[in-house]
Amino acid sequence: MINYESKMSIVIIVFLITSSILSSCTDDTDPEPYNRPPGSKAGIPVLSYHYFNDRNRLEQGGRALGTVLLNLPLLTVKDAWTVRSEDFEKQLRFLDKNGYRTITMDELKSFMTGREEMPGNCVAITFDDGDRSVYRYAYPLLKKYDMKGTLFIVTSRVGQSWNSLNISSWEELREMEESGVIDIESHTHDMHSKLREGDIPHPVFTVSGETMDKMRKEKIFNDLRRSRVSLKFQLGIRTNFLAWPYGFGTAISDSLAEAAGFEGILTLKSGRNHPGDPLTEIKRFAVTSKTSFSRFKRIVGIDRAVDRETDHM
């Protein structure tokens, strides 16, 4: 039987061979200016990130090969949603070189309701869950390139270790909010979990779908209100936007969110946002570990075919 050290040696050898074969077609060059018509007529893309790390390509590739070829437990679900900080900076540098402006959720709302035009090339950057890697890696890089982002936080988990995540503290959230670099919004208070209904687990806020009973509706409404109250009490901010955990709500849960005071609801439905689009279905492109740089350029460019692509896990 092959021991663990031998398995890892095989993983590294296979990865090095694969890397040498693919090196000629790997897009690792510094971002070059990308031709895109000025203005936001093509719609505004919203990017959705989750977690970050500083692993190098060799380590990341070795882990991936070890998981796929040898069934070693080297990659987790979190890894699938994790972007290397080096890749994130490359994406920001591309946006910076091409004159993109990062906008807030309030600006996106004004654009979608037709109250304000967005001159030039615009993009919104968002982060879900509140893992400390956003504070450690993404926040400094946004400051470096004079860009903005929005972080959607599960308020009941602030400062906790949860689901393999290490959630930022209120002090860290306050620092990011007061810096003007990252706005803090809601990812619910305590509804980032699933319940089994039949044979399939569903997000707790979608269980029973269109036949949801009064008690469950009240529970969802109270959770959303508590999230807004917590952010007001801890950070002194008015929370206007909600990103549903797992990317999607239902017509009922969306109406409950509106009743709780939310003005916009973000999803993980791919596509750009245009004037007249519903604020209850703000589209976002998921940026994950498998998002290539060429795809990233298509997301923020004008290739409409990207609306039909997805990087969902």
C-alpha atoms as a PDB file:
ATOM      1  CA  MET A   1       0.000   0.000   0.000  1.00  0.00           C
ATOM      2  CA  ILE A   2       1.321   3.454  -0.911  1.00  0.00           C
ATOM      3  CA  ASN A   3       1.935   5.596   2.176  1.00  0.00           C
ATOM      4  CA  TYR A   4       0.939   9.269   2.501  1.00  0.00           C
ATOM      5  CA  GLU A   5       4.418  10.625   1.639  1.00  0.00           C
ATOM      6  CA  SER A   6       4.542   8.547  -1.552  1.00  0.00           C
ATOM      7  CA  LYS A   7       1.094   9.753  -2.544  1.00  0.00           C
ATOM      8  CA  MET A   8       2.143  13.369  -2.082  1.00  0.00           C
ATOM      9  CA  SER A   9       5.279  12.796  -4.157  1.00  0.00           C
ATOM     10  CA  ILE A  10       3.140  11.406  -6.965  1.00  0.00           C
ATOM     11  CA  VAL A  11       0.812  14.402  -6.707  1.00  0.00           C
ATOM     12  CA  ILE A  12       3.691  16.873  -6.998  1.00  0.00           C
ATOM     13  CA  ILE A  13       5.292  15.023  -9.929  1.00  0.00           C
ATOM     14  CA  VAL A  14       1.999  14.854 -11.833  1.00  0.00           C
ATOM     15  CA  PHE A  15       1.336  18.512 -11.125  1.00  0.00           C
ATOM     16  CA  LEU A  16       4.771  19.597 -12.341  1.00  0.00           C
ATOM     17  CA  ILE A  17       4.360  17.596 -15.550  1.00  0.00           C
ATOM     18  CA  THR A  18       0.894  19.039 -16.106  1.00  0.00           C
ATOM     19  CA  SER A  19       2.133  22.561 -15.403  1.00  0.00           C
ATOM     20  CA  SER A  20       4.957  22.268 -17.931  1.00  0.00           C
ATOM     21  CA  ILE A  21       2.538  21.057 -20.616  1.00  0.00           C
ATOM     22  CA  LEU A  22       0.021  23.812 -19.950  1.00  0.00           C
ATOM     23  CA  SER A  23       2.431  26.665 -19.264  1.00  0.00           C
ATOM     24  CA  SER A  24       2.384  27.907 -22.829  1.00  0.00           C
ATOM     25  CA  CYS A  25      -1.383  28.449 -22.761  1.00  0.00           C
ATOM     26  CA  THR A  26      -1.773  29.720 -19.196  1.00  0.00           C
ATOM     27  CA  ASP A  27      -2.862  33.362 -19.000  1.00  0.00           C
ATOM     28  CA  ASP A  28      -0.450  34.711 -16.375  1.00  0.00           C
ATOM     29  CA  THR A  29       0.536  37.943 -18.110  1.00  0.00           C
ATOM     30  CA  ASP A  30       0.022  41.337 -16.534  1.00  0.00           C
ATOM     31  CA  PRO A  31      -3.435  42.734 -17.345  1.00  0.00           C
ATOM     32  CA  GLU A  32      -3.539  44.778 -20.536  1.00  0.00           C
ATOM     33  CA  PRO A  33      -6.120  47.441 -21.413  1.00  0.00           C
ATOM     34  CA  TYR A  34      -9.370  45.848 -22.574  1.00  0.00           C
ATOM     35  CA  ASN A  35     -11.479  47.586 -25.239  1.00  0.00           C
ATOM     36  CA  ARG A  36     -15.010  48.177 -23.972  1.00  0.00           C
ATOM     37  CA  PRO A  37     -17.407  50.897 -25.091  1.00  0.00           C
ATOM     38  CA  PRO A  38     -17.711  53.630 -22.439  1.00  0.00           C
ATOM     39  CA  GLY A  39     -20.808  53.913 -20.293  1.00  0.00           C
ATOM     40  CA  SER A  40     -23.062  51.353 -18.704  1.00  0.00           C
ATOM     41  CA  LYS A  41     -25.397  50.556 -21.625  1.00  0.00           C
ATOM     42  CA  ALA A  42     -24.219  46.952 -21.521  1.00  0.00           C
ATOM     43  CA  GLY A  43     -25.416  46.764 -17.916  1.00  0.00           C
ATOM     44  CA  ILE A  44     -23.434  46.785 -14.682  1.00  0.00           C
ATOM     45  CA  PRO A  45     -21.858  43.539 -13.454  1.00  0.00           C
ATOM     46  CA  VAL A  46     -21.785  42.761  -9.739  1.00  0.00           C
ATOM     47  CA  LEU A  47     -19.010  40.411  -8.617  1.00  0.00           C
ATOM     48  CA  SER A  48     -19.568  37.991  -5.742  1.00  0.00           C
ATOM     49  CA  TYR A  49     -16.547  36.760  -3.765  1.00  0.00           C
ATOM     50  CA  HIS A  50     -16.458  34.676  -0.616  1.00  0.00           C
ATOM     51  CA  TYR A  51     -13.007  33.796   0.754  1.00  0.00           C
ATOM     52  CA  PHE A  52      -9.319  34.428   0.070  1.00  0.00           C
ATOM     53  CA  ASN A  53      -5.944  32.833   0.778  1.00  0.00           C
ATOM     54  CA  ASP A  54      -2.287  33.361  -0.122  1.00  0.00           C
ATOM     55  CA  ARG A  55      -1.456  29.879  -1.417  1.00  0.00           C
ATOM     56  CA  ASN A  56       0.883  29.709  -4.383  1.00  0.00           C
ATOM     57  CA  ARG A  57      -0.105  27.971  -7.607  1.00  0.00           C
ATOM     58  CA  LEU A  58       2.039  24.896  -6.889  1.00  0.00           C
ATOM     59  CA  GLU A  59       0.391  24.245  -3.542  1.00  0.00           C
ATOM     60  CA  GLN A  60      -3.094  24.926  -4.915  1.00  0.00           C
ATOM     61  CA  GLY A  61      -2.521  22.681  -7.918  1.00  0.00           C
ATOM     62  CA  GLY A  62      -1.016  19.914  -5.814  1.00  0.00           C
ATOM     63  CA  ARG A  63      -3.998  19.918  -3.501  1.00  0.00           C
ATOM     64  CA  ALA A  64      -6.413  19.798  -6.426  1.00  0.00           C
ATOM     65  CA  LEU A  65      -4.615  16.879  -8.056  1.00  0.00           C
ATOM     66  CA  GLY A  66      -4.344  15.027  -4.779  1.00  0.00           C
ATOM     67  CA  THR A  67      -8.075  15.378  -4.248  1.00  0.00           C
ATOM     68  CA  VAL A  68      -9.032  14.311  -7.758  1.00  0.00           C
ATOM     69  CA  LEU A  69      -6.453  11.601  -8.505  1.00  0.00           C
ATOM     70  CA  LEU A  70      -5.789  10.064  -5.096  1.00  0.00           C
ATOM     71  CA  ASN A  71      -8.967  10.901  -3.197  1.00  0.00           C
ATOM     72  CA  LEU A  72      -7.008  12.673  -0.476  1.00  0.00           C
ATOM     73  CA  PRO A  73      -8.940  15.137   1.742  1.00  0.00           C
ATOM     74  CA  LEU A  74      -6.867  18.126   0.625  1.00  0.00           C
ATOM     75  CA  LEU A  75      -9.600  20.432  -0.699  1.00  0.00           C
ATOM     76  CA  THR A  76     -12.795  21.492   1.057  1.00  0.00           C
ATOM     77  CA  VAL A  77     -15.999  23.172  -0.070  1.00  0.00           C
ATOM     78  CA  LYS A  78     -14.504  26.393   1.262  1.00  0.00           C
ATOM     79  CA  ASP A  79     -11.493  25.946  -1.046  1.00  0.00           C
ATOM     80  CA  ALA A  80     -13.830  25.839  -4.041  1.00  0.00           C
ATOM     81  CA  TRP A  81     -15.119  29.305  -3.148  1.00  0.00           C
ATOM     82  CA  THR A  82     -11.682  30.694  -2.263  1.00  0.00           C
ATOM     83  CA  VAL A  83      -9.762  33.080  -4.532  1.00  0.00           C
ATOM     84  CA  ARG A  84      -6.005  33.502  -4.187  1.00  0.00           C
ATOM     85  CA  SER A  85      -5.103  37.038  -3.075  1.00  0.00           C
ATOM     86  CA  GLU A  86      -2.626  37.213  -5.969  1.00  0.00           C
ATOM     87  CA  ASP A  87      -5.447  36.542  -8.437  1.00  0.00           C
ATOM     88  CA  PHE A  88      -7.727  39.072  -6.739  1.00  0.00           C
ATOM     89  CA  GLU A  89      -5.050  41.743  -7.052  1.00  0.00           C
ATOM     90  CA  LYS A  90      -4.577  40.867 -10.712  1.00  0.00           C
ATOM     91  CA  GLN A  91      -8.308  41.396 -11.247  1.00  0.00           C
ATOM     92  CA  LEU A  92      -8.267  44.727  -9.410  1.00  0.00           C
ATOM     93  CA  ARG A  93      -5.223  45.846 -11.365  1.00  0.00           C
ATOM     94  CA  PHE A  94      -7.058  45.022 -14.581  1.00  0.00           C
ATOM     95  CA  LEU A  95     -10.053  47.103 -13.495  1.00  0.00           C
ATOM     96  CA  ASP A  96      -7.779  49.963 -12.468  1.00  0.00           C
ATOM     97  CA  LYS A  97      -5.814  49.986 -15.742  1.00  0.00           C
ATOM     98  CA  ASN A  98      -9.015  49.993 -17.753  1.00  0.00           C
ATOM     99  CA  GLY A  99     -10.620  52.881 -15.906  1.00  0.00           C
ATOM    100  CA  TYR A 100     -13.357  50.984 -14.096  1.00  0.00           C
ATOM    101  CA  ARG A 101     -15.126  52.649 -11.182  1.00  0.00           C
ATOM    102  CA  THR A 102     -16.408  50.528  -8.321  1.00  0.00           C
ATOM    103  CA  ILE A 103     -19.862  51.588  -7.176  1.00  0.00           C
ATOM    104  CA  THR A 104     -21.856  51.121  -3.985  1.00  0.00           C
ATOM    105  CA  MET A 105     -25.172  49.334  -3.634  1.00  0.00           C
ATOM    106  CA  ASP A 106     -26.941  52.692  -3.304  1.00  0.00           C
ATOM    107  CA  GLU A 107     -25.424  53.812  -6.608  1.00  0.00           C
ATOM    108  CA  LEU A 108     -26.441  50.536  -8.233  1.00  0.00           C
ATOM    109  CA  LYS A 109     -29.985  51.024  -6.947  1.00  0.00           C
ATOM    110  CA  SER A 110     -30.106  54.550  -8.400  1.00  0.00           C
ATOM    111  CA  PHE A 111     -28.926  53.176 -11.739  1.00  0.00           C
ATOM    112  CA  MET A 112     -31.447  50.325 -11.780  1.00  0.00           C
ATOM    113  CA  THR A 113     -34.347  52.603 -10.865  1.00  0.00           C
ATOM    114  CA  GLY A 114     -33.385  55.063 -13.598  1.00  0.00           C
ATOM    115  CA  ARG A 115     -32.643  57.914 -11.216  1.00  0.00           C
ATOM    116  CA  GLU A 116     -28.948  58.135 -12.105  1.00  0.00           C
ATOM    117  CA  GLU A 117     -26.781  57.260 -15.062  1.00  0.00           C
ATOM    118  CA  MET A 118     -23.407  55.682 -14.425  1.00  0.00           C
ATOM    119  CA  PRO A 119     -20.790  57.322 -16.651  1.00  0.00           C
ATOM    120  CA  GLY A 120     -17.763  55.314 -17.681  1.00  0.00           C
ATOM    121  CA  ASN A 121     -17.155  51.649 -16.912  1.00  0.00           C
ATOM    122  CA  CYS A 122     -18.654  50.533 -13.608  1.00  0.00           C
ATOM    123  CA  VAL A 123     -18.586  47.376 -11.549  1.00  0.00           C
ATOM    124  CA  ALA A 124     -19.733  46.489  -8.020  1.00  0.00           C
ATOM    125  CA  ILE A 125     -17.683  44.174  -5.794  1.00  0.00           C
ATOM    126  CA  THR A 126     -19.362  42.144  -3.051  1.00  0.00           C
ATOM    127  CA  PHE A 127     -18.315  39.590  -0.444  1.00  0.00           C
ATOM    128  CA  ASP A 128     -20.548  37.069   1.361  1.00  0.00           C
ATOM    129  CA  ASP A 129     -20.371  35.565   4.880  1.00  0.00           C
ATOM    130  CA  GLY A 130     -17.696  37.776   6.490  1.00  0.00           C
ATOM    131  CA  ASP A 131     -14.756  35.394   6.752  1.00  0.00           C
ATOM    132  CA  ARG A 132     -11.715  37.173   8.197  1.00  0.00           C
ATOM    133  CA  SER A 133      -9.824  36.560   4.947  1.00  0.00           C
ATOM    134  CA  VAL A 134     -11.812  39.474   3.478  1.00  0.00           C
ATOM    135  CA  TYR A 135     -10.403  41.743   6.183  1.00  0.00           C
ATOM    136  CA  ARG A 136      -6.906  40.297   5.835  1.00  0.00           C
ATOM    137  CA  TYR A 137      -6.559  40.203   2.044  1.00  0.00           C
ATOM    138  CA  ALA A 138      -9.372  41.925   0.145  1.00  0.00           C
ATOM    139  CA  TYR A 139      -9.757  45.029   2.303  1.00  0.00           C
ATOM    140  CA  PRO A 140      -6.090  46.142   2.011  1.00  0.00           C
ATOM    141  CA  LEU A 141      -6.106  45.519  -1.740  1.00  0.00           C
ATOM    142  CA  LEU A 142      -9.255  47.568  -2.221  1.00  0.00           C
ATOM    143  CA  LYS A 143      -7.570  50.399  -0.324  1.00  0.00           C
ATOM    144  CA  LYS A 144      -4.436  50.037  -2.433  1.00  0.00           C
ATOM    145  CA  TYR A 145      -6.384  50.502  -5.681  1.00  0.00           C
ATOM    146  CA  ASP A 146      -8.818  53.074  -4.260  1.00  0.00           C
ATOM    147  CA  MET A 147     -11.817  50.811  -4.823  1.00  0.00           C
ATOM    148  CA  LYS A 148     -14.946  49.987  -2.863  1.00  0.00           C
ATOM    149  CA  GLY A 149     -16.819  46.847  -1.916  1.00  0.00           C
ATOM    150  CA  THR A 150     -19.827  45.611   0.040  1.00  0.00           C
ATOM    151  CA  LEU A 151     -19.686  42.843   2.643  1.00  0.00           C
ATOM    152  CA  PHE A 152     -22.794  40.823   3.525  1.00  0.00           C
ATOM    153  CA  ILE A 153     -22.526  39.514   7.068  1.00  0.00           C
ATOM    154  CA  VAL A 154     -24.384  36.837   9.081  1.00  0.00           C
ATOM    155  CA  THR A 155     -24.830  38.952  12.208  1.00  0.00           C
ATOM    156  CA  SER A 156     -25.292  36.078  14.679  1.00  0.00           C
ATOM    157  CA  ARG A 157     -21.868  34.679  13.705  1.00  0.00           C
ATOM    158  CA  VAL A 158     -19.746  37.804  14.091  1.00  0.00           C
ATOM    159  CA  GLY A 159     -16.476  37.049  15.897  1.00  0.00           C
ATOM    160  CA  GLN A 160     -17.093  33.280  15.838  1.00  0.00           C
ATOM    161  CA  SER A 161     -15.528  30.218  14.267  1.00  0.00           C
ATOM    162  CA  TRP A 162     -18.329  28.722  12.205  1.00  0.00           C
ATOM    163  CA  ASN A 163     -18.595  26.242   9.327  1.00  0.00           C
ATOM    164  CA  SER A 164     -14.796  26.214   8.868  1.00  0.00           C
ATOM    165  CA  LEU A 165     -14.878  30.022   8.701  1.00  0.00           C
ATOM    166  CA  ASN A 166     -13.325  32.538  11.059  1.00  0.00           C
ATOM    167  CA  ILE A 167     -15.784  35.444  11.006  1.00  0.00           C
ATOM    168  CA  SER A 168     -14.525  39.012  11.469  1.00  0.00           C
ATOM    169  CA  SER A 169     -15.132  40.751  14.782  1.00  0.00           C
ATOM    170  CA  TRP A 170     -17.354  43.792  15.238  1.00  0.00           C
ATOM    171  CA  GLU A 171     -14.181  45.861  15.632  1.00  0.00           C
ATOM    172  CA  GLU A 172     -12.897  44.716  12.234  1.00  0.00           C
ATOM    173  CA  LEU A 173     -16.283  45.302  10.626  1.00  0.00           C
ATOM    174  CA  ARG A 174     -16.425  48.769  12.165  1.00  0.00           C
ATOM    175  CA  GLU A 175     -12.965  49.582  10.835  1.00  0.00           C
ATOM    176  CA  MET A 176     -13.924  48.552   7.305  1.00  0.00           C
ATOM    177  CA  GLU A 177     -17.245  50.413   7.426  1.00  0.00           C
ATOM    178  CA  GLU A 178     -15.736  53.630   8.828  1.00  0.00           C
ATOM    179  CA  SER A 179     -12.932  53.561   6.259  1.00  0.00           C
ATOM    180  CA  GLY A 180     -15.428  54.122   3.460  1.00  0.00           C
ATOM    181  CA  VAL A 181     -13.824  51.227   1.579  1.00  0.00           C
ATOM    182  CA  ILE A 182     -16.302  48.474   2.485  1.00  0.00           C
ATOM    183  CA  ASP A 183     -19.987  48.899   3.290  1.00  0.00           C
ATOM    184  CA  ILE A 184     -21.556  46.325   5.599  1.00  0.00           C
ATOM    185  CA  GLU A 185     -24.947  44.842   4.701  1.00  0.00           C
ATOM    186  CA  SER A 186     -27.016  41.821   5.724  1.00  0.00           C
ATOM    187  CA  HIS A 187     -26.644  38.117   4.967  1.00  0.00           C
ATOM    188  CA  THR A 188     -29.477  37.402   7.491  1.00  0.00           C
ATOM    189  CA  HIS A 189     -29.072  37.124  11.256  1.00  0.00           C
ATOM    190  CA  ASP A 190     -29.095  33.336  11.633  1.00  0.00           C
ATOM    191  CA  MET A 191     -30.479  31.733   8.473  1.00  0.00           C
ATOM    192  CA  HIS A 192     -27.334  30.467   6.774  1.00  0.00           C
ATOM    193  CA  SER A 193     -28.382  26.843   7.175  1.00  0.00           C
ATOM    194  CA  LYS A 194     -30.584  24.208   5.566  1.00  0.00           C
ATOM    195  CA  LEU A 195     -33.419  21.967   6.683  1.00  0.00           C
ATOM    196  CA  ARG A 196     -34.386  18.718   5.058  1.00  0.00           C
ATOM    197  CA  GLU A 197     -37.796  18.727   3.412  1.00  0.00           C
ATOM    198  CA  GLY A 198     -38.437  15.338   1.868  1.00  0.00           C
ATOM    199  CA  ASP A 199     -35.161  14.009   0.499  1.00  0.00           C
ATOM    200  CA  ILE A 200     -33.616  17.392  -0.292  1.00  0.00           C
ATOM    201  CA  PRO A 201     -32.175  19.979   2.117  1.00  0.00           C
ATOM    202  CA  HIS A 202     -33.439  23.518   1.509  1.00  0.00           C
ATOM    203  CA  PRO A 203     -32.358  26.893   2.922  1.00  0.00           C
ATOM    204  CA  VAL A 204     -34.401  27.521   6.056  1.00  0.00           C
ATOM    205  CA  PHE A 205     -36.028  30.593   4.512  1.00  0.00           C
ATOM    206  CA  THR A 206     -37.357  28.625   1.514  1.00  0.00           C
ATOM    207  CA  VAL A 207     -38.714  25.516   3.262  1.00  0.00           C
ATOM    208  CA  SER A 208     -42.377  24.883   2.313  1.00  0.00           C
ATOM    209  CA  GLY A 209     -42.006  27.283  -0.613  1.00  0.00           C
ATOM    210  CA  GLU A 210     -45.265  28.998  -1.545  1.00  0.00           C
ATOM    211  CA  THR A 211     -47.267  27.268   1.203  1.00  0.00           C
ATOM    212  CA  MET A 212     -45.189  28.611   4.087  1.00  0.00           C
ATOM    213  CA  ASP A 213     -47.220  28.853   7.293  1.00  0.00           C
ATOM    214  CA  LYS A 214     -47.679  32.001   9.355  1.00  0.00           C
ATOM    215  CA  MET A 215     -45.306  30.916  12.131  1.00  0.00           C
ATOM    216  CA  ARG A 216     -42.434  30.328   9.703  1.00  0.00           C
ATOM    217  CA  LYS A 217     -43.089  33.632   7.959  1.00  0.00           C
ATOM    218  CA  GLU A 218     -42.884  35.432  11.297  1.00  0.00           C
ATOM    219  CA  LYS A 219     -39.644  33.646  12.126  1.00  0.00           C
ATOM    220  CA  ILE A 220     -38.062  34.730   8.840  1.00  0.00           C
ATOM    221  CA  PHE A 221     -39.335  38.294   9.211  1.00  0.00           C
ATOM    222  CA  ASN A 222     -38.018  38.541  12.790  1.00  0.00           C
ATOM    223  CA  ASP A 223     -34.615  37.166  11.771  1.00  0.00           C
ATOM    224  CA  LEU A 224     -34.265  39.786   9.025  1.00  0.00           C
ATOM    225  CA  ARG A 225     -35.352  42.588  11.346  1.00  0.00           C
ATOM    226  CA  ARG A 226     -32.904  41.392  13.995  1.00  0.00           C
ATOM    227  CA  SER A 227     -30.090  41.499  11.450  1.00  0.00           C
ATOM    228  CA  ARG A 228     -30.858  45.144  10.653  1.00  0.00           C
ATOM    229  CA  VAL A 229     -31.187  46.022  14.337  1.00  0.00           C
ATOM    230  CA  SER A 230     -27.848  44.345  15.163  1.00  0.00           C
ATOM    231  CA  LEU A 231     -26.021  46.284  12.453  1.00  0.00           C
ATOM    232  CA  LYS A 232     -27.643  49.525  13.573  1.00  0.00           C
ATOM    233  CA  PHE A 233     -26.716  48.897  17.228  1.00  0.00           C
ATOM    234  CA  GLN A 234     -23.157  47.684  16.609  1.00  0.00           C
ATOM    235  CA  LEU A 235     -22.113  49.889  13.683  1.00  0.00           C
ATOM    236  CA  GLY A 236     -24.636  52.719  13.684  1.00  0.00           C
ATOM    237  CA  ILE A 237     -25.645  52.051  10.077  1.00  0.00           C
ATOM    238  CA  ARG A 238     -28.918  51.702   8.219  1.00  0.00           C
ATOM    239  CA  THR A 239     -28.973  48.396   6.347  1.00  0.00           C
ATOM    240  CA  ASN A 240     -30.797  48.511   3.013  1.00  0.00           C
ATOM    241  CA  PHE A 241     -29.551  45.448   1.128  1.00  0.00           C
ATOM    242  CA  LEU A 242     -29.769  41.715   1.700  1.00  0.00           C
ATOM    243  CA  ALA A 243     -27.893  38.865   0.041  1.00  0.00           C
ATOM    244  CA  TRP A 244     -29.684  35.577   0.575  1.00  0.00           C
ATOM    245  CA  PRO A 245     -27.455  32.706   1.741  1.00  0.00           C
ATOM    246  CA  TYR A 246     -27.026  30.134  -1.035  1.00  0.00           C
ATOM    247  CA  GLY A 247     -27.897  32.775  -3.611  1.00  0.00           C
ATOM    248  CA  PHE A 248     -31.676  32.676  -3.932  1.00  0.00           C
ATOM    249  CA  GLY A 249     -34.892  33.253  -2.030  1.00  0.00           C
ATOM    250  CA  THR A 250     -38.511  32.751  -3.042  1.00  0.00           C
ATOM    251  CA  ALA A 251     -41.305  35.175  -3.842  1.00  0.00           C
ATOM    252  CA  ILE A 252     -42.524  34.829  -0.249  1.00  0.00           C
ATOM    253  CA  SER A 253     -39.119  35.281   1.402  1.00  0.00           C
ATOM    254  CA  ASP A 254     -38.390  38.245  -0.899  1.00  0.00           C
ATOM    255  CA  SER A 255     -41.655  39.908   0.117  1.00  0.00           C
ATOM    256  CA  LEU A 256     -40.795  39.321   3.783  1.00  0.00           C
ATOM    257  CA  ALA A 257     -37.408  40.951   3.219  1.00  0.00           C
ATOM    258  CA  GLU A 258     -39.091  43.993   1.694  1.00  0.00           C
ATOM    259  CA  ALA A 259     -41.492  44.152   4.635  1.00  0.00           C
ATOM    260  CA  ALA A 260     -38.483  44.023   6.988  1.00  0.00           C
ATOM    261  CA  GLY A 261     -37.100  47.159   5.338  1.00  0.00           C
ATOM    262  CA  PHE A 262     -34.696  45.898   2.680  1.00  0.00           C
ATOM    263  CA  GLU A 263     -34.664  47.907  -0.548  1.00  0.00           C
ATOM    264  CA  GLY A 264     -32.584  45.525  -2.649  1.00  0.00           C
ATOM    265  CA  ILE A 265     -32.004  41.759  -2.673  1.00  0.00           C
ATOM    266  CA  LEU A 266     -28.907  40.210  -4.218  1.00  0.00           C
ATOM    267  CA  THR A 267     -28.859  36.765  -5.792  1.00  0.00           C
ATOM    268  CA  LEU A 268     -26.310  34.506  -7.459  1.00  0.00           C
ATOM    269  CA  LYS A 269     -28.162  34.559 -10.749  1.00  0.00           C
ATOM    270  CA  SER A 270     -25.566  35.408 -13.396  1.00  0.00           C
ATOM    271  CA  GLY A 271     -26.023  38.486 -15.539  1.00  0.00           C
ATOM    272  CA  ARG A 272     -25.604  42.247 -15.678  1.00  0.00           C
ATOM    273  CA  ASN A 273     -28.038  44.699 -14.145  1.00  0.00           C
ATOM    274  CA  HIS A 274     -29.975  47.256 -16.204  1.00  0.00           C
ATOM    275  CA  PRO A 275     -32.396  50.123 -15.576  1.00  0.00           C
ATOM    276  CA  GLY A 276     -35.837  48.677 -14.932  1.00  0.00           C
ATOM    277  CA  ASP A 277     -34.574  45.347 -13.590  1.00  0.00           C
ATOM    278  CA  PRO A 278     -36.260  44.305 -10.303  1.00  0.00           C
ATOM    279  CA  LEU A 279     -34.396  45.257  -7.142  1.00  0.00           C
ATOM    280  CA  THR A 280     -35.535  41.950  -5.643  1.00  0.00           C
ATOM    281  CA  GLU A 281     -33.317  40.108  -8.126  1.00  0.00           C
ATOM    282  CA  ILE A 282     -29.990  41.904  -8.360  1.00  0.00           C
ATOM    283  CA  LYS A 283     -27.769  39.632 -10.396  1.00  0.00           C
ATOM    284  CA  ARG A 284     -24.209  38.712  -9.478  1.00  0.00           C
ATOM    285  CA  PHE A 285     -21.388  36.766 -11.089  1.00  0.00           C
ATOM    286  CA  ALA A 286     -19.752  34.330  -8.675  1.00  0.00           C
ATOM    287  CA  VAL A 287     -15.958  34.604  -8.742  1.00  0.00           C
ATOM    288  CA  THR A 288     -14.483  31.363  -7.428  1.00  0.00           C
ATOM    289  CA  SER A 289     -11.319  29.289  -7.507  1.00  0.00           C
ATOM    290  CA  LYS A 290     -12.163  28.120 -11.010  1.00  0.00           C
ATOM    291  CA  THR A 291     -12.803  31.572 -12.508  1.00  0.00           C
ATOM    292  CA  SER A 292     -10.108  32.058 -15.141  1.00  0.00           C
ATOM    293  CA  PHE A 293      -8.725  35.496 -15.905  1.00  0.00           C
ATOM    294  CA  SER A 294     -10.150  35.320 -19.424  1.00  0.00           C
ATOM    295  CA  ARG A 295     -13.608  34.649 -18.000  1.00  0.00           C
ATOM    296  CA  PHE A 296     -13.173  37.520 -15.553  1.00  0.00           C
ATOM    297  CA  LYS A 297     -12.489  39.844 -18.485  1.00  0.00           C
ATOM    298  CA  ARG A 298     -15.636  38.616 -20.213  1.00  0.00           C
ATOM    299  CA  ILE A 299     -17.671  39.210 -17.060  1.00  0.00           C
ATOM    300  CA  VAL A 300     -16.663  42.865 -16.847  1.00  0.00           C
ATOM    301  CA  GLY A 301     -16.550  43.332 -20.634  1.00  0.00           C
ATOM    302  CA  ILE A 302     -19.379  43.263 -23.155  1.00  0.00           C
ATOM    303  CA  ASP A 303     -19.457  39.632 -24.247  1.00  0.00           C
ATOM    304  CA  ARG A 304     -23.158  38.924 -23.697  1.00  0.00           C
ATOM    305  CA  ALA A 305     -22.534  35.188 -23.884  1.00  0.00           C
ATOM    306  CA  VAL A 306     -21.213  35.408 -20.327  1.00  0.00           C
ATOM    307  CA  ASP A 307     -24.791  35.905 -19.100  1.00  0.00           C
ATOM    308  CA  ARG A 308     -25.380  32.245 -19.898  1.00  0.00           C
ATOM    309  CA  GLU A 309     -22.241  30.983 -18.205  1.00  0.00           C
ATOM    310  CA  THR A 310     -21.822  30.191 -14.552  1.00  0.00           C
ATOM    311  CA  ASP A 311     -19.129  29.506 -11.995  1.00  0.00           C
ATOM    312  CA  HIS A 312     -21.542  28.232  -9.343  1.00  0.00           C
ATOM    313  CA  MET A 313     -20.354  25.358  -7.223  1.00  0.00           C
END
